[in-house]
Amino acid sequence: MGTINKVILVGRLGRDPEERTTAGGTRVSSFSVATDSYRGAGAEKTTEWHRVVVFGKVAEQCNQYLRKGRLVCVEGSLQTRSWENPPGDKHYMTEVVAARVQFLDSRGANGDPPPRPAGENEIPF
């Protein structure tokens, strides 16, 4: 059997998306998503934070419509990047590169209805 690198997260945005453009002109959106799990005999809640990055048209729509607190489903793959800061300190970051983002809220944080691009609330990558 081959290998698979697939992530599906359902959680809430921890902050508004950060928007930027690559040197080649590709739009990028970065945001964090919080997921909760309940473990142990007392069902203690733990929150895990995930970094998410989205490119292209999906990034544009995420930047336009998503805000802190919105419930989303993110599908993508894990990617780990590394870089070196002077004086040679190596750093690593693992993030989800989203292929699909689906808005799950029936209403936005400010009471507005969610957007429905292309007749649906799923944005294909």
PDB file of N, CA and C in Angstrom:
ATOM      1  N   MET A   1       0.845  -1.186   0.000  1.00  0.00           N
ATOM      2  CA  MET A   1       0.000   0.000   0.000  1.00  0.00           C
ATOM      3  C   MET A   1       0.880   1.235   0.000  1.00  0.00           C
ATOM      4  N   GLY A   2       0.423   2.279  -0.702  1.00  0.00           N
ATOM      5  CA  GLY A   2       1.143   3.546  -0.767  1.00  0.00           C
ATOM      6  C   GLY A   2       0.960   4.361   0.499  1.00  0.00           C
ATOM      7  N   THR A   3       1.344   5.591   0.432  1.00  0.00           N
ATOM      8  CA  THR A   3       1.216   6.474   1.586  1.00  0.00           C
ATOM      9  C   THR A   3       0.169   7.546   1.309  1.00  0.00           C
ATOM     10  N   ILE A   4      -0.340   8.124   2.375  1.00  0.00           N
ATOM     11  CA  ILE A   4      -1.357   9.169   2.276  1.00  0.00           C
ATOM     12  C   ILE A   4      -0.980  10.300   3.221  1.00  0.00           C
ATOM     13  N   ASN A   5      -1.118  11.524   2.744  1.00  0.00           N
ATOM     14  CA  ASN A   5      -0.930  12.715   3.566  1.00  0.00           C
ATOM     15  C   ASN A   5      -2.212  13.530   3.434  1.00  0.00           C
ATOM     16  N   LYS A   6      -3.180  13.264   4.310  1.00  0.00           N
ATOM     17  CA  LYS A   6      -4.481  13.931   4.245  1.00  0.00           C
ATOM     18  C   LYS A   6      -4.906  14.347   5.639  1.00  0.00           C
ATOM     19  N   VAL A   7      -5.401  15.583   5.735  1.00  0.00           N
ATOM     20  CA  VAL A   7      -5.859  16.135   7.002  1.00  0.00           C
ATOM     21  C   VAL A   7      -7.264  16.677   6.801  1.00  0.00           C
ATOM     22  N   ILE A   8      -8.157  16.387   7.751  1.00  0.00           N
ATOM     23  CA  ILE A   8      -9.486  16.986   7.773  1.00  0.00           C
ATOM     24  C   ILE A   8      -9.691  17.547   9.178  1.00  0.00           C
ATOM     25  N   LEU A   9      -9.927  18.842   9.250  1.00  0.00           N
ATOM     26  CA  LEU A   9     -10.137  19.513  10.530  1.00  0.00           C
ATOM     27  C   LEU A   9     -11.492  20.213  10.515  1.00  0.00           C
ATOM     28  N   VAL A  10     -12.202  20.139  11.615  1.00  0.00           N
ATOM     29  CA  VAL A  10     -13.395  20.946  11.817  1.00  0.00           C
ATOM     30  C   VAL A  10     -13.156  21.706  13.105  1.00  0.00           C
ATOM     31  N   GLY A  11     -13.105  23.022  12.995  1.00  0.00           N
ATOM     32  CA  GLY A  11     -12.830  23.840  14.166  1.00  0.00           C
ATOM     33  C   GLY A  11     -13.127  25.300  13.903  1.00  0.00           C
ATOM     34  N   ARG A  12     -12.772  26.126  14.869  1.00  0.00           N
ATOM     35  CA  ARG A  12     -13.049  27.560  14.790  1.00  0.00           C
ATOM     36  C   ARG A  12     -11.753  28.344  14.585  1.00  0.00           C
ATOM     37  N   LEU A  13     -11.869  29.413  13.787  1.00  0.00           N
ATOM     38  CA  LEU A  13     -10.716  30.275  13.552  1.00  0.00           C
ATOM     39  C   LEU A  13     -10.323  30.975  14.843  1.00  0.00           C
ATOM     40  N   GLY A  14      -9.031  30.976  15.120  1.00  0.00           N
ATOM     41  CA  GLY A  14      -8.516  31.629  16.320  1.00  0.00           C
ATOM     42  C   GLY A  14      -8.211  33.094  16.106  1.00  0.00           C
ATOM     43  N   ARG A  15      -8.134  33.510  14.856  1.00  0.00           N
ATOM     44  CA  ARG A  15      -7.867  34.908  14.518  1.00  0.00           C
ATOM     45  C   ARG A  15      -8.306  35.144  13.081  1.00  0.00           C
ATOM     46  N   ASP A  16      -8.438  36.401  12.710  1.00  0.00           N
ATOM     47  CA  ASP A  16      -8.769  36.729  11.327  1.00  0.00           C
ATOM     48  C   ASP A  16      -7.645  36.257  10.416  1.00  0.00           C
ATOM     49  N   PRO A  17      -7.960  35.875   9.187  1.00  0.00           N
ATOM     50  CA  PRO A  17      -6.915  35.448   8.249  1.00  0.00           C
ATOM     51  C   PRO A  17      -5.937  36.580   7.952  1.00  0.00           C
ATOM     52  N   GLU A  18      -4.684  36.204   7.768  1.00  0.00           N
ATOM     53  CA  GLU A  18      -3.653  37.155   7.337  1.00  0.00           C
ATOM     54  C   GLU A  18      -3.490  36.990   5.837  1.00  0.00           C
ATOM     55  N   GLU A  19      -3.536  38.096   5.134  1.00  0.00           N
ATOM     56  CA  GLU A  19      -3.484  38.079   3.675  1.00  0.00           C
ATOM     57  C   GLU A  19      -2.124  38.548   3.196  1.00  0.00           C
ATOM     58  N   ARG A  20      -1.595  37.875   2.171  1.00  0.00           N
ATOM     59  CA  ARG A  20      -0.362  38.310   1.523  1.00  0.00           C
ATOM     60  C   ARG A  20      -0.339  37.802   0.092  1.00  0.00           C
ATOM     61  N   THR A  21       0.633  38.256  -0.670  1.00  0.00           N
ATOM     62  CA  THR A  21       0.796  37.849  -2.060  1.00  0.00           C
ATOM     63  C   THR A  21       2.237  37.398  -2.256  1.00  0.00           C
ATOM     64  N   THR A  22       2.432  36.281  -2.959  1.00  0.00           N
ATOM     65  CA  THR A  22       3.783  35.791  -3.222  1.00  0.00           C
ATOM     66  C   THR A  22       4.451  36.692  -4.261  1.00  0.00           C
ATOM     67  N   ALA A  23       5.757  36.515  -4.438  1.00  0.00           N
ATOM     68  CA  ALA A  23       6.497  37.284  -5.437  1.00  0.00           C
ATOM     69  C   ALA A  23       5.940  37.037  -6.832  1.00  0.00           C
ATOM     70  N   GLY A  24       5.367  35.860  -7.056  1.00  0.00           N
ATOM     71  CA  GLY A  24       4.783  35.514  -8.352  1.00  0.00           C
ATOM     72  C   GLY A  24       3.352  35.997  -8.518  1.00  0.00           C
ATOM     73  N   GLY A  25       2.786  36.653  -7.509  1.00  0.00           N
ATOM     74  CA  GLY A  25       1.445  37.205  -7.601  1.00  0.00           C
ATOM     75  C   GLY A  25       0.333  36.307  -7.097  1.00  0.00           C
ATOM     76  N   THR A  26       0.660  35.155  -6.497  1.00  0.00           N
ATOM     77  CA  THR A  26      -0.352  34.248  -5.958  1.00  0.00           C
ATOM     78  C   THR A  26      -0.835  34.764  -4.603  1.00  0.00           C
ATOM     79  N   ARG A  27      -2.155  34.804  -4.426  1.00  0.00           N
ATOM     80  CA  ARG A  27      -2.733  35.231  -3.149  1.00  0.00           C
ATOM     81  C   ARG A  27      -2.594  34.107  -2.130  1.00  0.00           C
ATOM     82  N   VAL A  28      -2.321  34.488  -0.869  1.00  0.00           N
ATOM     83  CA  VAL A  28      -2.128  33.532   0.214  1.00  0.00           C
ATOM     84  C   VAL A  28      -2.951  33.985   1.416  1.00  0.00           C
ATOM     85  N   SER A  29      -3.561  33.045   2.101  1.00  0.00           N
ATOM     86  CA  SER A  29      -4.278  33.313   3.337  1.00  0.00           C
ATOM     87  C   SER A  29      -3.736  32.376   4.407  1.00  0.00           C
ATOM     88  N   SER A  30      -3.426  32.921   5.581  1.00  0.00           N
ATOM     89  CA  SER A  30      -2.953  32.116   6.706  1.00  0.00           C
ATOM     90  C   SER A  30      -3.844  32.377   7.907  1.00  0.00           C
ATOM     91  N   PHE A  31      -4.214  31.320   8.598  1.00  0.00           N
ATOM     92  CA  PHE A  31      -5.018  31.465   9.801  1.00  0.00           C
ATOM     93  C   PHE A  31      -4.823  30.244  10.685  1.00  0.00           C
ATOM     94  N   SER A  32      -5.289  30.339  11.927  1.00  0.00           N
ATOM     95  CA  SER A  32      -5.198  29.212  12.848  1.00  0.00           C
ATOM     96  C   SER A  32      -6.597  28.678  13.117  1.00  0.00           C
ATOM     97  N   VAL A  33      -6.670  27.365  13.324  1.00  0.00           N
ATOM     98  CA  VAL A  33      -7.935  26.693  13.617  1.00  0.00           C
ATOM     99  C   VAL A  33      -7.761  25.922  14.919  1.00  0.00           C
ATOM    100  N   ALA A  34      -8.736  26.064  15.817  1.00  0.00           N
ATOM    101  CA  ALA A  34      -8.722  25.353  17.095  1.00  0.00           C
ATOM    102  C   ALA A  34      -9.673  24.169  17.026  1.00  0.00           C
ATOM    103  N   THR A  35      -9.182  23.001  17.460  1.00  0.00           N
ATOM    104  CA  THR A  35     -10.030  21.816  17.588  1.00  0.00           C
ATOM    105  C   THR A  35     -10.000  21.360  19.043  1.00  0.00           C
ATOM    106  N   ASP A  36     -11.100  20.834  19.516  1.00  0.00           N
ATOM    107  CA  ASP A  36     -11.206  20.369  20.899  1.00  0.00           C
ATOM    108  C   ASP A  36     -11.328  18.861  20.932  1.00  0.00           C
ATOM    109  N   SER A  37     -10.746  18.251  21.968  1.00  0.00           N
ATOM    110  CA  SER A  37     -10.945  16.831  22.219  1.00  0.00           C
ATOM    111  C   SER A  37     -11.141  16.644  23.712  1.00  0.00           C
ATOM    112  N   TYR A  38     -11.805  15.560  24.040  1.00  0.00           N
ATOM    113  CA  TYR A  38     -12.094  15.245  25.433  1.00  0.00           C
ATOM    114  C   TYR A  38     -11.442  13.913  25.753  1.00  0.00           C
ATOM    115  N   ARG A  39     -10.513  13.936  26.708  1.00  0.00           N
ATOM    116  CA  ARG A  39      -9.750  12.728  27.037  1.00  0.00           C
ATOM    117  C   ARG A  39      -9.767  12.490  28.536  1.00  0.00           C
ATOM    118  N   GLY A  40      -9.588  11.252  28.872  1.00  0.00           N
ATOM    119  CA  GLY A  40      -9.469  10.896  30.275  1.00  0.00           C
ATOM    120  C   GLY A  40     -10.810  10.557  30.906  1.00  0.00           C
ATOM    121  N   ALA A  41     -10.721  10.038  32.136  1.00  0.00           N
ATOM    122  CA  ALA A  41     -11.915   9.604  32.857  1.00  0.00           C
ATOM    123  C   ALA A  41     -12.857  10.767  33.128  1.00  0.00           C
ATOM    124  N   GLY A  42     -12.315  11.940  33.406  1.00  0.00           N
ATOM    125  CA  GLY A  42     -13.140  13.105  33.695  1.00  0.00           C
ATOM    126  C   GLY A  42     -13.526  13.869  32.447  1.00  0.00           C
ATOM    127  N   ALA A  43     -13.208  13.316  31.269  1.00  0.00           N
ATOM    128  CA  ALA A  43     -13.501  13.959  29.981  1.00  0.00           C
ATOM    129  C   ALA A  43     -13.011  15.401  29.958  1.00  0.00           C
ATOM    130  N   GLU A  44     -11.735  15.572  30.311  1.00  0.00           N
ATOM    131  CA  GLU A  44     -11.134  16.905  30.327  1.00  0.00           C
ATOM    132  C   GLU A  44     -10.898  17.398  28.902  1.00  0.00           C
ATOM    133  N   LYS A  45     -11.311  18.630  28.650  1.00  0.00           N
ATOM    134  CA  LYS A  45     -11.187  19.204  27.308  1.00  0.00           C
ATOM    135  C   LYS A  45      -9.773  19.740  27.079  1.00  0.00           C
ATOM    136  N   THR A  46      -9.221  19.384  25.922  1.00  0.00           N
ATOM    137  CA  THR A  46      -7.946  19.953  25.497  1.00  0.00           C
ATOM    138  C   THR A  46      -8.149  20.583  24.125  1.00  0.00           C
ATOM    139  N   THR A  47      -7.504  21.714  23.908  1.00  0.00           N
ATOM    140  CA  THR A  47      -7.612  22.424  22.637  1.00  0.00           C
ATOM    141  C   THR A  47      -6.283  22.327  21.911  1.00  0.00           C
ATOM    142  N   GLU A  48      -6.349  21.955  20.654  1.00  0.00           N
ATOM    143  CA  GLU A  48      -5.163  21.870  19.791  1.00  0.00           C
ATOM    144  C   GLU A  48      -5.275  22.969  18.743  1.00  0.00           C
ATOM    145  N   TRP A  49      -4.167  23.677  18.493  1.00  0.00           N
ATOM    146  CA  TRP A  49      -4.146  24.749  17.494  1.00  0.00           C
ATOM    147  C   TRP A  49      -3.405  24.280  16.256  1.00  0.00           C
ATOM    148  N   HIS A  50      -3.967  24.589  15.080  1.00  0.00           N
ATOM    149  CA  HIS A  50      -3.402  24.170  13.806  1.00  0.00           C
ATOM    150  C   HIS A  50      -3.188  25.394  12.921  1.00  0.00           C
ATOM    151  N   ARG A  51      -2.017  25.488  12.330  1.00  0.00           N
ATOM    152  CA  ARG A  51      -1.743  26.548  11.356  1.00  0.00           C
ATOM    153  C   ARG A  51      -2.241  26.078   9.994  1.00  0.00           C
ATOM    154  N   VAL A  52      -2.942  26.968   9.278  1.00  0.00           N
ATOM    155  CA  VAL A  52      -3.492  26.632   7.970  1.00  0.00           C
ATOM    156  C   VAL A  52      -3.036  27.685   6.972  1.00  0.00           C
ATOM    157  N   VAL A  53      -2.639  27.230   5.780  1.00  0.00           N
ATOM    158  CA  VAL A  53      -2.279  28.146   4.696  1.00  0.00           C
ATOM    159  C   VAL A  53      -3.064  27.733   3.457  1.00  0.00           C
ATOM    160  N   VAL A  54      -3.588  28.743   2.735  1.00  0.00           N
ATOM    161  CA  VAL A  54      -4.427  28.518   1.565  1.00  0.00           C
ATOM    162  C   VAL A  54      -3.908  29.410   0.445  1.00  0.00           C
ATOM    163  N   PHE A  55      -3.951  28.910  -0.803  1.00  0.00           N
ATOM    164  CA  PHE A  55      -3.431  29.656  -1.948  1.00  0.00           C
ATOM    165  C   PHE A  55      -4.513  29.918  -2.988  1.00  0.00           C
ATOM    166  N   GLY A  56      -4.293  30.934  -3.826  1.00  0.00           N
ATOM    167  CA  GLY A  56      -5.117  31.188  -5.001  1.00  0.00           C
ATOM    168  C   GLY A  56      -6.486  31.748  -4.694  1.00  0.00           C
ATOM    169  N   LYS A  57      -7.466  31.319  -5.504  1.00  0.00           N
ATOM    170  CA  LYS A  57      -8.845  31.815  -5.402  1.00  0.00           C
ATOM    171  C   LYS A  57      -9.447  31.487  -4.043  1.00  0.00           C
ATOM    172  N   VAL A  58      -9.148  30.314  -3.512  1.00  0.00           N
ATOM    173  CA  VAL A  58      -9.660  29.932  -2.196  1.00  0.00           C
ATOM    174  C   VAL A  58      -9.147  30.897  -1.145  1.00  0.00           C
ATOM    175  N   ALA A  59      -7.877  31.287  -1.250  1.00  0.00           N
ATOM    176  CA  ALA A  59      -7.293  32.243  -0.304  1.00  0.00           C
ATOM    177  C   ALA A  59      -8.022  33.578  -0.369  1.00  0.00           C
ATOM    178  N   GLU A  60      -8.323  34.039  -1.566  1.00  0.00           N
ATOM    179  CA  GLU A  60      -9.054  35.300  -1.732  1.00  0.00           C
ATOM    180  C   GLU A  60     -10.391  35.241  -1.015  1.00  0.00           C
ATOM    181  N   GLN A  61     -11.127  34.136  -1.175  1.00  0.00           N
ATOM    182  CA  GLN A  61     -12.435  34.013  -0.556  1.00  0.00           C
ATOM    183  C   GLN A  61     -12.332  33.854   0.960  1.00  0.00           C
ATOM    184  N   CYS A  62     -11.305  33.149   1.429  1.00  0.00           N
ATOM    185  CA  CYS A  62     -11.092  33.037   2.878  1.00  0.00           C
ATOM    186  C   CYS A  62     -10.793  34.414   3.469  1.00  0.00           C
ATOM    187  N   ASN A  63      -9.932  35.193   2.793  1.00  0.00           N
ATOM    188  CA  ASN A  63      -9.598  36.533   3.277  1.00  0.00           C
ATOM    189  C   ASN A  63     -10.830  37.427   3.308  1.00  0.00           C
ATOM    190  N   GLN A  64     -11.711  37.240   2.366  1.00  0.00           N
ATOM    191  CA  GLN A  64     -12.895  38.089   2.263  1.00  0.00           C
ATOM    192  C   GLN A  64     -13.962  37.720   3.288  1.00  0.00           C
ATOM    193  N   TYR A  65     -14.195  36.423   3.530  1.00  0.00           N
ATOM    194  CA  TYR A  65     -15.351  36.002   4.306  1.00  0.00           C
ATOM    195  C   TYR A  65     -15.053  35.471   5.708  1.00  0.00           C
ATOM    196  N   LEU A  66     -13.888  34.918   5.942  1.00  0.00           N
ATOM    197  CA  LEU A  66     -13.642  34.302   7.243  1.00  0.00           C
ATOM    198  C   LEU A  66     -13.207  35.337   8.277  1.00  0.00           C
ATOM    199  N   ARG A  67     -13.645  35.130   9.508  1.00  0.00           N
ATOM    200  CA  ARG A  67     -13.274  35.970  10.634  1.00  0.00           C
ATOM    201  C   ARG A  67     -13.086  35.083  11.854  1.00  0.00           C
ATOM    202  N   LYS A  68     -12.415  35.633  12.849  1.00  0.00           N
ATOM    203  CA  LYS A  68     -12.195  34.923  14.100  1.00  0.00           C
ATOM    204  C   LYS A  68     -13.521  34.369  14.627  1.00  0.00           C
ATOM    205  N   GLY A  69     -13.495  33.099  15.051  1.00  0.00           N
ATOM    206  CA  GLY A  69     -14.668  32.458  15.626  1.00  0.00           C
ATOM    207  C   GLY A  69     -15.514  31.666  14.645  1.00  0.00           C
ATOM    208  N   ARG A  70     -15.303  31.844  13.335  1.00  0.00           N
ATOM    209  CA  ARG A  70     -16.095  31.114  12.334  1.00  0.00           C
ATOM    210  C   ARG A  70     -15.760  29.627  12.373  1.00  0.00           C
ATOM    211  N   LEU A  71     -16.769  28.789  12.194  1.00  0.00           N
ATOM    212  CA  LEU A  71     -16.600  27.337  12.150  1.00  0.00           C
ATOM    213  C   LEU A  71     -16.319  26.928  10.710  1.00  0.00           C
ATOM    214  N   VAL A  72     -15.227  26.177  10.506  1.00  0.00           N
ATOM    215  CA  VAL A  72     -14.834  25.760   9.157  1.00  0.00           C
ATOM    216  C   VAL A  72     -14.418  24.295   9.156  1.00  0.00           C
ATOM    217  N   CYS A  73     -14.504  23.703   7.968  1.00  0.00           N
ATOM    218  CA  CYS A  73     -13.925  22.390   7.711  1.00  0.00           C
ATOM    219  C   CYS A  73     -12.788  22.616   6.720  1.00  0.00           C
ATOM    220  N   VAL A  74     -11.593  22.194   7.086  1.00  0.00           N
ATOM    221  CA  VAL A  74     -10.412  22.367   6.245  1.00  0.00           C
ATOM    222  C   VAL A  74      -9.928  20.984   5.831  1.00  0.00           C
ATOM    223  N   GLU A  75      -9.737  20.792   4.526  1.00  0.00           N
ATOM    224  CA  GLU A  75      -9.166  19.556   4.006  1.00  0.00           C
ATOM    225  C   GLU A  75      -7.873  19.903   3.297  1.00  0.00           C
ATOM    226  N   GLY A  76      -6.834  19.129   3.564  1.00  0.00           N
ATOM    227  CA  GLY A  76      -5.557  19.396   2.921  1.00  0.00           C
ATOM    228  C   GLY A  76      -4.519  18.374   3.316  1.00  0.00           C
ATOM    229  N   SER A  77      -3.266  18.806   3.298  1.00  0.00           N
ATOM    230  CA  SER A  77      -2.151  17.920   3.650  1.00  0.00           C
ATOM    231  C   SER A  77      -1.189  18.643   4.571  1.00  0.00           C
ATOM    232  N   LEU A  78      -0.410  17.869   5.317  1.00  0.00           N
ATOM    233  CA  LEU A  78       0.596  18.441   6.212  1.00  0.00           C
ATOM    234  C   LEU A  78       1.867  18.751   5.446  1.00  0.00           C
ATOM    235  N   GLN A  79       2.468  19.879   5.801  1.00  0.00           N
ATOM    236  CA  GLN A  79       3.750  20.275   5.212  1.00  0.00           C
ATOM    237  C   GLN A  79       4.607  20.850   6.336  1.00  0.00           C
ATOM    238  N   THR A  80       5.859  20.446   6.399  1.00  0.00           N
ATOM    239  CA  THR A  80       6.790  20.997   7.377  1.00  0.00           C
ATOM    240  C   THR A  80       7.853  21.801   6.647  1.00  0.00           C
ATOM    241  N   ARG A  81       7.985  23.044   7.050  1.00  0.00           N
ATOM    242  CA  ARG A  81       9.007  23.928   6.476  1.00  0.00           C
ATOM    243  C   ARG A  81      10.106  24.144   7.509  1.00  0.00           C
ATOM    244  N   SER A  82      11.300  24.437   7.026  1.00  0.00           N
ATOM    245  CA  SER A  82      12.401  24.755   7.941  1.00  0.00           C
ATOM    246  C   SER A  82      13.150  25.960   7.408  1.00  0.00           C
ATOM    247  N   TRP A  83      13.734  26.716   8.314  1.00  0.00           N
ATOM    248  CA  TRP A  83      14.555  27.856   7.950  1.00  0.00           C
ATOM    249  C   TRP A  83      15.589  28.074   9.043  1.00  0.00           C
ATOM    250  N   GLU A  84      16.587  28.856   8.723  1.00  0.00           N
ATOM    251  CA  GLU A  84      17.682  29.110   9.647  1.00  0.00           C
ATOM    252  C   GLU A  84      17.789  30.606   9.900  1.00  0.00           C
ATOM    253  N   ASN A  85      17.794  30.978  11.166  1.00  0.00           N
ATOM    254  CA  ASN A  85      17.999  32.368  11.564  1.00  0.00           C
ATOM    255  C   ASN A  85      19.443  32.561  11.991  1.00  0.00           C
ATOM    256  N   PRO A  86      19.996  33.743  11.765  1.00  0.00           N
ATOM    257  CA  PRO A  86      21.335  33.987  12.302  1.00  0.00           C
ATOM    258  C   PRO A  86      21.269  33.903  13.813  1.00  0.00           C
ATOM    259  N   PRO A  87      22.126  33.337  14.507  1.00  0.00           N
ATOM    260  CA  PRO A  87      23.427  32.766  14.142  1.00  0.00           C
ATOM    261  C   PRO A  87      23.365  31.279  13.863  1.00  0.00           C
ATOM    262  N   GLY A  88      22.482  30.823  13.031  1.00  0.00           N
ATOM    263  CA  GLY A  88      22.431  29.415  12.661  1.00  0.00           C
ATOM    264  C   GLY A  88      21.383  28.605  13.392  1.00  0.00           C
ATOM    265  N   ASP A  89      20.430  29.270  14.054  1.00  0.00           N
ATOM    266  CA  ASP A  89      19.356  28.558  14.742  1.00  0.00           C
ATOM    267  C   ASP A  89      18.377  28.002  13.717  1.00  0.00           C
ATOM    268  N   LYS A  90      18.134  26.690  13.776  1.00  0.00           N
ATOM    269  CA  LYS A  90      17.220  26.029  12.841  1.00  0.00           C
ATOM    270  C   LYS A  90      15.814  26.026  13.441  1.00  0.00           C
ATOM    271  N   HIS A  91      14.815  26.404  12.635  1.00  0.00           N
ATOM    272  CA  HIS A  91      13.420  26.444  13.060  1.00  0.00           C
ATOM    273  C   HIS A  91      12.581  25.585  12.117  1.00  0.00           C
ATOM    274  N   TYR A  92      11.505  25.002  12.670  1.00  0.00           N
ATOM    275  CA  TYR A  92      10.592  24.166  11.889  1.00  0.00           C
ATOM    276  C   TYR A  92       9.162  24.608  12.157  1.00  0.00           C
ATOM    277  N   MET A  93       8.317  24.504  11.137  1.00  0.00           N
ATOM    278  CA  MET A  93       6.899  24.791  11.295  1.00  0.00           C
ATOM    279  C   MET A  93       6.115  23.782  10.459  1.00  0.00           C
ATOM    280  N   THR A  94       5.145  23.136  11.113  1.00  0.00           N
ATOM    281  CA  THR A  94       4.259  22.225  10.400  1.00  0.00           C
ATOM    282  C   THR A  94       2.909  22.914  10.256  1.00  0.00           C
ATOM    283  N   GLU A  95       2.370  22.878   9.039  1.00  0.00           N
ATOM    284  CA  GLU A  95       1.099  23.533   8.772  1.00  0.00           C
ATOM    285  C   GLU A  95       0.266  22.679   7.832  1.00  0.00           C
ATOM    286  N   VAL A  96      -1.021  22.978   7.789  1.00  0.00           N
ATOM    287  CA  VAL A  96      -1.936  22.318   6.869  1.00  0.00           C
ATOM    288  C   VAL A  96      -2.021  23.188   5.615  1.00  0.00           C
ATOM    289  N   VAL A  97      -1.683  22.613   4.470  1.00  0.00           N
ATOM    290  CA  VAL A  97      -1.863  23.300   3.194  1.00  0.00           C
ATOM    291  C   VAL A  97      -3.246  22.881   2.703  1.00  0.00           C
ATOM    292  N   ALA A  98      -4.187  23.819   2.751  1.00  0.00           N
ATOM    293  CA  ALA A  98      -5.589  23.497   2.480  1.00  0.00           C
ATOM    294  C   ALA A  98      -5.855  23.355   0.988  1.00  0.00           C
ATOM    295  N   ALA A  99      -6.545  22.295   0.643  1.00  0.00           N
ATOM    296  CA  ALA A  99      -7.024  22.103  -0.721  1.00  0.00           C
ATOM    297  C   ALA A  99      -8.480  22.544  -0.822  1.00  0.00           C
ATOM    298  N   ARG A 100      -9.197  22.495   0.306  1.00  0.00           N
ATOM    299  CA  ARG A 100     -10.614  22.833   0.331  1.00  0.00           C
ATOM    300  C   ARG A 100     -10.943  23.447   1.688  1.00  0.00           C
ATOM    301  N   VAL A 101     -11.757  24.493   1.683  1.00  0.00           N
ATOM    302  CA  VAL A 101     -12.240  25.115   2.916  1.00  0.00           C
ATOM    303  C   VAL A 101     -13.749  25.244   2.792  1.00  0.00           C
ATOM    304  N   GLN A 102     -14.455  24.734   3.781  1.00  0.00           N
ATOM    305  CA  GLN A 102     -15.911  24.804   3.762  1.00  0.00           C
ATOM    306  C   GLN A 102     -16.375  25.614   4.963  1.00  0.00           C
ATOM    307  N   PHE A 103     -17.235  26.612   4.734  1.00  0.00           N
ATOM    308  CA  PHE A 103     -17.782  27.432   5.808  1.00  0.00           C
ATOM    309  C   PHE A 103     -18.954  26.669   6.421  1.00  0.00           C
ATOM    310  N   LEU A 104     -18.932  26.447   7.727  1.00  0.00           N
ATOM    311  CA  LEU A 104     -19.948  25.620   8.373  1.00  0.00           C
ATOM    312  C   LEU A 104     -20.950  26.407   9.193  1.00  0.00           C
ATOM    313  N   ASP A 105     -20.653  27.640   9.543  1.00  0.00           N
ATOM    314  CA  ASP A 105     -21.582  28.444  10.326  1.00  0.00           C
ATOM    315  C   ASP A 105     -22.846  28.729   9.530  1.00  0.00           C
ATOM    316  N   SER A 106     -23.968  28.727  10.218  1.00  0.00           N
ATOM    317  CA  SER A 106     -25.191  29.170   9.550  1.00  0.00           C
ATOM    318  C   SER A 106     -25.241  30.689   9.556  1.00  0.00           C
ATOM    319  N   ARG A 107     -24.540  31.301  10.490  1.00  0.00           N
ATOM    320  CA  ARG A 107     -24.432  32.758  10.545  1.00  0.00           C
ATOM    321  C   ARG A 107     -23.007  33.104  10.962  1.00  0.00           C
ATOM    322  N   GLY A 108     -22.531  34.229  10.469  1.00  0.00           N
ATOM    323  CA  GLY A 108     -21.198  34.703  10.826  1.00  0.00           C
ATOM    324  C   GLY A 108     -21.176  35.240  12.245  1.00  0.00           C
ATOM    325  N   ALA A 109     -19.993  35.584  12.720  1.00  0.00           N
ATOM    326  CA  ALA A 109     -19.819  36.095  14.072  1.00  0.00           C
ATOM    327  C   ALA A 109     -20.592  37.395  14.274  1.00  0.00           C
ATOM    328  N   ASN A 110     -20.767  38.193  13.210  1.00  0.00           N
ATOM    329  CA  ASN A 110     -21.479  39.464  13.330  1.00  0.00           C
ATOM    330  C   ASN A 110     -22.949  39.330  12.940  1.00  0.00           C
ATOM    331  N   GLY A 111     -23.451  38.099  12.762  1.00  0.00           N
ATOM    332  CA  GLY A 111     -24.853  37.888  12.445  1.00  0.00           C
ATOM    333  C   GLY A 111     -25.156  37.821  10.963  1.00  0.00           C
ATOM    334  N   ASP A 112     -24.163  38.085  10.114  1.00  0.00           N
ATOM    335  CA  ASP A 112     -24.381  38.021   8.677  1.00  0.00           C
ATOM    336  C   ASP A 112     -24.475  36.576   8.225  1.00  0.00           C
ATOM    337  N   PRO A 113     -25.289  36.287   7.212  1.00  0.00           N
ATOM    338  CA  PRO A 113     -25.307  34.925   6.683  1.00  0.00           C
ATOM    339  C   PRO A 113     -23.980  34.618   6.020  1.00  0.00           C
ATOM    340  N   PRO A 114     -23.574  33.353   5.994  1.00  0.00           N
ATOM    341  CA  PRO A 114     -22.302  33.008   5.378  1.00  0.00           C
ATOM    342  C   PRO A 114     -22.366  33.176   3.867  1.00  0.00           C
ATOM    343  N   PRO A 115     -21.226  33.397   3.244  1.00  0.00           N
ATOM    344  CA  PRO A 115     -21.214  33.513   1.789  1.00  0.00           C
ATOM    345  C   PRO A 115     -21.475  32.164   1.145  1.00  0.00           C
ATOM    346  N   ARG A 116     -21.980  32.169  -0.063  1.00  0.00           N
ATOM    347  CA  ARG A 116     -22.208  30.940  -0.805  1.00  0.00           C
ATOM    348  C   ARG A 116     -21.627  31.110  -2.203  1.00  0.00           C
ATOM    349  N   PRO A 117     -20.281  31.058  -2.303  1.00  0.00           N
ATOM    350  CA  PRO A 117     -19.669  31.229  -3.620  1.00  0.00           C
ATOM    351  C   PRO A 117     -20.080  30.106  -4.570  1.00  0.00           C
ATOM    352  N   ALA A 118     -20.286  30.441  -5.797  1.00  0.00           N
ATOM    353  CA  ALA A 118     -20.611  29.487  -6.876  1.00  0.00           C
ATOM    354  C   ALA A 118     -21.800  28.620  -6.503  1.00  0.00           C
ATOM    355  N   GLY A 119     -22.748  29.161  -5.719  1.00  0.00           N
ATOM    356  CA  GLY A 119     -23.959  28.421  -5.395  1.00  0.00           C
ATOM    357  C   GLY A 119     -23.802  27.414  -4.276  1.00  0.00           C
ATOM    358  N   GLU A 120     -22.632  27.315  -3.677  1.00  0.00           N
ATOM    359  CA  GLU A 120     -22.418  26.378  -2.569  1.00  0.00           C
ATOM    360  C   GLU A 120     -21.639  27.088  -1.487  1.00  0.00           C
ATOM    361  N   ASN A 121     -21.460  26.417  -0.346  1.00  0.00           N
ATOM    362  CA  ASN A 121     -20.606  26.999   0.667  1.00  0.00           C
ATOM    363  C   ASN A 121     -19.284  26.262   0.769  1.00  0.00           C
ATOM    364  N   GLU A 122     -18.938  25.492  -0.246  1.00  0.00           N
ATOM    365  CA  GLU A 122     -17.645  24.837  -0.318  1.00  0.00           C
ATOM    366  C   GLU A 122     -16.828  25.528  -1.389  1.00  0.00           C
ATOM    367  N   ILE A 123     -15.563  25.777  -1.085  1.00  0.00           N
ATOM    368  CA  ILE A 123     -14.694  26.437  -2.037  1.00  0.00           C
ATOM    369  C   ILE A 123     -13.655  25.436  -2.501  1.00  0.00           C
ATOM    370  N   PRO A 124     -13.760  24.920  -3.715  1.00  0.00           N
ATOM    371  CA  PRO A 124     -12.750  23.962  -4.188  1.00  0.00           C
ATOM    372  C   PRO A 124     -11.442  24.672  -4.469  1.00  0.00           C
ATOM    373  N   PHE A 125     -10.331  24.000  -4.272  1.00  0.00           N
ATOM    374  CA  PHE A 125      -9.001  24.572  -4.492  1.00  0.00           C
ATOM    375  C   PHE A 125      -8.672  24.595  -5.957  1.00  0.00           C
TER     376      PHE A 125
END
